[in-house]
Amino acid sequence: MENENANLNTPKQRHGCVTAWLILMIVVNAITALSYLIAGDSVSESFPGSVSNFTLIILALLGIANVIFAVLLFQWNKLGFWGFLSTSLVALLINLSIGIPIGQSLLGLLGIVILYAVLQIKREHVPAWDYLE
């Protein structure tokens, strides 16, 4: 316990894999949001049901929110994780409403599981999750 407290008093550091994952999340979510806004008609053709422009805008806003949440995680703010969880749940509901099968829709929640697992990677014997405030 004493060693754990000593580690938490050292400057916050994250493993390189955590940093790489957060950067990947920023890039992918930014590209996804832009694709919904710029090429919405092409993107909507890949969905099984009809997708309204309003739905595409909501999905784009979720992507932008995810970029913000990744930045919050970079700033050691646990709100970023909870934000990702909430946007994933909203996306799950949207996916189900536009006719994406439940199994495929549930795969979207895999990103939360991966994010949580990545935040458990330790640097100096302390996972990044323990540094989040």
C-alpha atoms as a PDB file:
ATOM      1  CA  MET A   1       0.000   0.000   0.000  1.00  0.00           C
ATOM      2  CA  GLU A   2       2.809   2.394   0.870  1.00  0.00           C
ATOM      3  CA  ASN A   3       4.557   1.674  -2.438  1.00  0.00           C
ATOM      4  CA  GLU A   4       1.281   2.318  -4.267  1.00  0.00           C
ATOM      5  CA  ASN A   5       0.933   5.774  -2.679  1.00  0.00           C
ATOM      6  CA  ALA A   6       4.568   6.573  -3.513  1.00  0.00           C
ATOM      7  CA  ASN A   7       3.900   5.736  -7.162  1.00  0.00           C
ATOM      8  CA  LEU A   8       0.840   7.987  -7.236  1.00  0.00           C
ATOM      9  CA  ASN A   9       2.915  10.904  -5.918  1.00  0.00           C
ATOM     10  CA  THR A  10       5.354  10.694  -8.843  1.00  0.00           C
ATOM     11  CA  PRO A  11       4.616  12.685 -12.019  1.00  0.00           C
ATOM     12  CA  LYS A  12       1.857  11.114 -14.087  1.00  0.00           C
ATOM     13  CA  GLN A  13       3.081   8.959 -16.937  1.00  0.00           C
ATOM     14  CA  ARG A  14       1.238   6.763 -19.359  1.00  0.00           C
ATOM     15  CA  HIS A  15       2.565   3.801 -21.279  1.00  0.00           C
ATOM     16  CA  GLY A  16       3.335   4.466 -24.943  1.00  0.00           C
ATOM     17  CA  CYS A  17       0.575   2.050 -25.961  1.00  0.00           C
ATOM     18  CA  VAL A  18      -1.967   4.162 -24.079  1.00  0.00           C
ATOM     19  CA  THR A  19      -0.746   7.300 -25.847  1.00  0.00           C
ATOM     20  CA  ALA A  20      -0.837   5.547 -29.223  1.00  0.00           C
ATOM     21  CA  TRP A  21      -4.385   4.289 -28.603  1.00  0.00           C
ATOM     22  CA  LEU A  22      -5.622   7.759 -27.621  1.00  0.00           C
ATOM     23  CA  ILE A  23      -4.042   9.283 -30.740  1.00  0.00           C
ATOM     24  CA  LEU A  24      -5.640   6.568 -32.885  1.00  0.00           C
ATOM     25  CA  MET A  25      -9.015   7.314 -31.283  1.00  0.00           C
ATOM     26  CA  ILE A  26      -8.660  11.020 -32.050  1.00  0.00           C
ATOM     27  CA  VAL A  27      -7.728  10.398 -35.688  1.00  0.00           C
ATOM     28  CA  VAL A  28     -10.373   7.732 -36.368  1.00  0.00           C
ATOM     29  CA  ASN A  29     -13.190   9.655 -34.685  1.00  0.00           C
ATOM     30  CA  ALA A  30     -12.254  12.887 -36.492  1.00  0.00           C
ATOM     31  CA  ILE A  31     -12.204  11.105 -39.865  1.00  0.00           C
ATOM     32  CA  THR A  32     -15.503   9.361 -39.087  1.00  0.00           C
ATOM     33  CA  ALA A  33     -17.184  12.627 -38.080  1.00  0.00           C
ATOM     34  CA  LEU A  34     -15.922  14.352 -41.239  1.00  0.00           C
ATOM     35  CA  SER A  35     -17.114  11.485 -43.423  1.00  0.00           C
ATOM     36  CA  TYR A  36     -20.624  11.757 -41.957  1.00  0.00           C
ATOM     37  CA  LEU A  37     -20.641  15.506 -42.607  1.00  0.00           C
ATOM     38  CA  ILE A  38     -18.932  15.607 -46.015  1.00  0.00           C
ATOM     39  CA  ALA A  39     -19.895  12.306 -47.623  1.00  0.00           C
ATOM     40  CA  GLY A  40     -23.104  11.514 -45.752  1.00  0.00           C
ATOM     41  CA  ASP A  41     -24.967  10.280 -48.833  1.00  0.00           C
ATOM     42  CA  SER A  42     -22.251   7.759 -49.656  1.00  0.00           C
ATOM     43  CA  VAL A  43     -21.986   6.645 -46.044  1.00  0.00           C
ATOM     44  CA  SER A  44     -25.754   6.222 -45.672  1.00  0.00           C
ATOM     45  CA  GLU A  45     -25.797   3.810 -48.636  1.00  0.00           C
ATOM     46  CA  SER A  46     -23.727   1.360 -46.597  1.00  0.00           C
ATOM     47  CA  PHE A  47     -26.411   1.132 -43.883  1.00  0.00           C
ATOM     48  CA  PRO A  48     -29.208  -1.449 -44.250  1.00  0.00           C
ATOM     49  CA  GLY A  49     -32.052   0.981 -43.522  1.00  0.00           C
ATOM     50  CA  SER A  50     -32.702   4.518 -44.559  1.00  0.00           C
ATOM     51  CA  VAL A  51     -30.641   7.064 -42.671  1.00  0.00           C
ATOM     52  CA  SER A  52     -31.816  10.643 -42.383  1.00  0.00           C
ATOM     53  CA  ASN A  53     -29.505  13.630 -42.579  1.00  0.00           C
ATOM     54  CA  PHE A  54     -30.415  14.349 -38.949  1.00  0.00           C
ATOM     55  CA  THR A  55     -29.125  10.907 -37.927  1.00  0.00           C
ATOM     56  CA  LEU A  56     -25.885  11.501 -39.838  1.00  0.00           C
ATOM     57  CA  ILE A  57     -25.447  14.820 -38.053  1.00  0.00           C
ATOM     58  CA  ILE A  58     -26.013  13.118 -34.685  1.00  0.00           C
ATOM     59  CA  LEU A  59     -23.420  10.460 -35.573  1.00  0.00           C
ATOM     60  CA  ALA A  60     -20.981  13.197 -36.629  1.00  0.00           C
ATOM     61  CA  LEU A  61     -21.550  15.007 -33.318  1.00  0.00           C
ATOM     62  CA  LEU A  62     -20.853  11.767 -31.460  1.00  0.00           C
ATOM     63  CA  GLY A  63     -17.555  11.474 -33.335  1.00  0.00           C
ATOM     64  CA  ILE A  64     -16.635  15.065 -32.461  1.00  0.00           C
ATOM     65  CA  ALA A  65     -17.569  14.383 -28.833  1.00  0.00           C
ATOM     66  CA  ASN A  66     -15.283  11.337 -28.875  1.00  0.00           C
ATOM     67  CA  VAL A  67     -12.381  13.506 -30.039  1.00  0.00           C
ATOM     68  CA  ILE A  68     -13.049  15.786 -27.067  1.00  0.00           C
ATOM     69  CA  PHE A  69     -13.264  12.802 -24.717  1.00  0.00           C
ATOM     70  CA  ALA A  70      -9.929  11.454 -25.969  1.00  0.00           C
ATOM     71  CA  VAL A  71      -8.356  14.860 -25.288  1.00  0.00           C
ATOM     72  CA  LEU A  72      -9.850  14.757 -21.784  1.00  0.00           C
ATOM     73  CA  LEU A  73      -8.201  11.377 -21.252  1.00  0.00           C
ATOM     74  CA  PHE A  74      -4.908  12.916 -22.392  1.00  0.00           C
ATOM     75  CA  GLN A  75      -5.470  15.483 -19.658  1.00  0.00           C
ATOM     76  CA  TRP A  76      -5.970  12.704 -17.077  1.00  0.00           C
ATOM     77  CA  ASN A  77      -9.700  13.367 -16.787  1.00  0.00           C
ATOM     78  CA  LYS A  78     -11.845  10.285 -16.116  1.00  0.00           C
ATOM     79  CA  LEU A  79     -14.821  12.129 -17.593  1.00  0.00           C
ATOM     80  CA  GLY A  80     -13.308  11.222 -20.977  1.00  0.00           C
ATOM     81  CA  PHE A  81     -13.863   7.523 -20.318  1.00  0.00           C
ATOM     82  CA  TRP A  82     -17.445   8.028 -19.133  1.00  0.00           C
ATOM     83  CA  GLY A  83     -18.065  10.224 -22.173  1.00  0.00           C
ATOM     84  CA  PHE A  84     -16.896   7.424 -24.483  1.00  0.00           C
ATOM     85  CA  LEU A  85     -19.199   5.033 -22.674  1.00  0.00           C
ATOM     86  CA  SER A  86     -22.195   7.338 -23.104  1.00  0.00           C
ATOM     87  CA  THR A  87     -21.541   8.051 -26.798  1.00  0.00           C
ATOM     88  CA  SER A  88     -21.141   4.320 -27.416  1.00  0.00           C
ATOM     89  CA  LEU A  89     -24.518   3.635 -25.823  1.00  0.00           C
ATOM     90  CA  VAL A  90     -26.172   6.368 -27.904  1.00  0.00           C
ATOM     91  CA  ALA A  91     -24.521   4.965 -31.056  1.00  0.00           C
ATOM     92  CA  LEU A  92     -25.794   1.493 -30.103  1.00  0.00           C
ATOM     93  CA  LEU A  93     -29.351   2.801 -29.953  1.00  0.00           C
ATOM     94  CA  ILE A  94     -28.968   4.625 -33.274  1.00  0.00           C
ATOM     95  CA  ASN A  95     -27.487   1.540 -34.945  1.00  0.00           C
ATOM     96  CA  LEU A  96     -30.391  -0.592 -33.763  1.00  0.00           C
ATOM     97  CA  SER A  97     -32.921   2.016 -34.907  1.00  0.00           C
ATOM     98  CA  ILE A  98     -31.522   2.110 -38.454  1.00  0.00           C
ATOM     99  CA  GLY A  99     -31.638  -1.651 -38.809  1.00  0.00           C
ATOM    100  CA  ILE A 100     -28.113  -2.806 -38.041  1.00  0.00           C
ATOM    101  CA  PRO A 101     -28.324  -6.307 -36.523  1.00  0.00           C
ATOM    102  CA  ILE A 102     -27.938  -6.505 -32.750  1.00  0.00           C
ATOM    103  CA  GLY A 103     -24.748  -8.560 -32.888  1.00  0.00           C
ATOM    104  CA  GLN A 104     -23.035  -6.068 -35.161  1.00  0.00           C
ATOM    105  CA  SER A 105     -24.398  -3.167 -33.112  1.00  0.00           C
ATOM    106  CA  LEU A 106     -23.035  -4.659 -29.883  1.00  0.00           C
ATOM    107  CA  LEU A 107     -19.569  -4.816 -31.455  1.00  0.00           C
ATOM    108  CA  GLY A 108     -19.492  -1.040 -31.078  1.00  0.00           C
ATOM    109  CA  LEU A 109     -19.264  -1.562 -27.315  1.00  0.00           C
ATOM    110  CA  LEU A 110     -16.043  -3.498 -27.840  1.00  0.00           C
ATOM    111  CA  GLY A 111     -14.267  -0.152 -28.166  1.00  0.00           C
ATOM    112  CA  ILE A 112     -15.112   0.665 -24.541  1.00  0.00           C
ATOM    113  CA  VAL A 113     -13.745  -2.691 -23.390  1.00  0.00           C
ATOM    114  CA  ILE A 114     -10.531  -2.112 -25.359  1.00  0.00           C
ATOM    115  CA  LEU A 115     -10.199   1.446 -24.010  1.00  0.00           C
ATOM    116  CA  TYR A 116     -10.602   0.229 -20.427  1.00  0.00           C
ATOM    117  CA  ALA A 117      -8.065  -2.563 -21.024  1.00  0.00           C
ATOM    118  CA  VAL A 118      -5.563  -0.143 -22.568  1.00  0.00           C
ATOM    119  CA  LEU A 119      -5.943   2.189 -19.582  1.00  0.00           C
ATOM    120  CA  GLN A 120      -4.910  -0.749 -17.374  1.00  0.00           C
ATOM    121  CA  ILE A 121      -1.473  -0.977 -19.020  1.00  0.00           C
ATOM    122  CA  LYS A 122       1.089  -0.111 -16.379  1.00  0.00           C
ATOM    123  CA  ARG A 123       3.974   2.331 -16.513  1.00  0.00           C
ATOM    124  CA  GLU A 124       6.229   2.294 -13.456  1.00  0.00           C
ATOM    125  CA  HIS A 125       3.867  -0.292 -11.900  1.00  0.00           C
ATOM    126  CA  VAL A 126       0.862   2.065 -12.068  1.00  0.00           C
ATOM    127  CA  PRO A 127      -1.906   1.805 -14.689  1.00  0.00           C
ATOM    128  CA  ALA A 128      -3.008   4.989 -16.432  1.00  0.00           C
ATOM    129  CA  TRP A 129      -6.503   4.407 -14.994  1.00  0.00           C
ATOM    130  CA  ASP A 130      -5.162   5.083 -11.472  1.00  0.00           C
ATOM    131  CA  TYR A 131      -3.948   8.527 -12.549  1.00  0.00           C
ATOM    132  CA  LEU A 132      -7.300   9.612 -13.977  1.00  0.00           C
ATOM    133  CA  GLU A 133      -9.052  12.180 -11.843  1.00  0.00           C
END
